[in-house]
Amino acid sequence: MEEWKMEKMCMDMMMMTCMERMMCEMTNMKMMMDKAYEMNMEMNMDMDQVMSKMHKCNEMMTSMMSMKENY
């Protein structure tokens, strides 16, 4: 469920400007960090997951952008 929500957010991010996207990513990261803190999780591992998610998201957006430009 959480996974899906994150993906959906990434999809929505494609419609945003660069600035809005950054804000959204920051918020996502903060939420995840808060959640990890609440659950007393090992932060290092969690940060890796967050980073890879954001990286995937950025890659997805980049490919979307280049697709748009090709139209």
Protein backbone atom coordinates (compact mmCIF):
# COMPACT_ATOMS: atom_id res chain seq x y z
CA MET A 1 0.00 0.00 0.00
CA GLU A 2 2.72 2.46 1.04
CA GLU A 3 4.75 1.49 -2.01
CA TRP A 4 1.83 2.30 -4.26
CA LYS A 5 1.23 5.66 -2.62
CA MET A 6 4.85 6.59 -3.18
CA GLU A 7 4.65 5.61 -6.85
CA LYS A 8 1.47 7.65 -7.22
CA MET A 9 3.21 10.65 -5.70
CA CYS A 10 6.01 10.20 -8.19
CA MET A 11 3.52 10.12 -11.03
CA ASP A 12 1.88 13.28 -9.74
CA MET A 13 5.27 14.93 -9.48
CA MET A 14 5.67 14.70 -13.23
CA MET A 15 2.91 17.25 -13.62
CA MET A 16 4.63 19.72 -11.32
CA THR A 17 7.26 22.34 -11.89
CA CYS A 18 10.78 21.62 -10.76
CA MET A 19 10.34 23.70 -7.61
CA GLU A 20 7.11 22.01 -6.58
CA ARG A 21 8.72 18.66 -7.24
CA MET A 22 11.60 19.46 -4.94
CA MET A 23 9.23 20.55 -2.19
CA CYS A 24 7.22 17.37 -2.65
CA GLU A 25 10.33 15.20 -2.43
CA MET A 26 11.47 17.01 0.70
CA THR A 27 8.07 16.44 2.28
CA ASN A 28 8.13 12.78 1.32
CA MET A 29 11.55 12.39 2.86
CA LYS A 30 10.53 14.15 6.05
CA MET A 31 7.44 11.97 6.38
CA MET A 32 9.47 8.82 5.88
CA MET A 33 12.08 9.95 8.38
CA ASP A 34 9.40 10.79 10.92
CA LYS A 35 7.80 7.40 10.40
CA ALA A 36 11.14 5.63 10.73
CA TYR A 37 11.86 7.60 13.89
CA GLU A 38 8.50 6.68 15.38
CA MET A 39 9.07 3.03 14.64
CA ASN A 40 12.62 3.30 15.99
CA MET A 41 14.01 1.89 12.80
CA GLU A 42 17.64 1.80 11.81
CA MET A 43 17.93 5.11 10.00
CA ASN A 44 20.81 4.23 7.69
CA MET A 45 18.96 1.42 5.99
CA ASP A 46 15.85 3.52 5.69
CA MET A 47 17.71 6.43 4.13
CA ASP A 48 19.05 4.10 1.47
CA GLN A 49 15.53 3.06 0.61
CA VAL A 50 14.36 6.66 0.47
CA MET A 51 17.28 7.61 -1.73
CA SER A 52 16.75 4.76 -4.16
CA LYS A 53 13.05 5.61 -4.34
CA MET A 54 13.80 9.24 -5.08
CA HIS A 55 16.41 8.20 -7.61
CA LYS A 56 13.91 5.95 -9.37
CA CYS A 57 11.40 8.76 -9.28
CA ASN A 58 13.87 11.18 -10.85
CA GLU A 59 14.79 8.68 -13.55
CA MET A 60 11.14 8.16 -14.33
CA MET A 61 10.58 11.90 -14.56
CA THR A 62 13.60 12.39 -16.78
CA SER A 63 12.36 9.79 -19.23
CA MET A 64 8.89 11.35 -19.13
CA MET A 65 10.34 14.77 -19.88
CA SER A 66 12.32 13.50 -22.84
CA MET A 67 9.21 11.73 -24.14
CA LYS A 68 7.28 14.98 -23.90
CA GLU A 69 9.99 16.84 -25.78
CA ASN A 70 9.83 14.31 -28.59
CA TYR A 71 6.21 15.10 -29.33
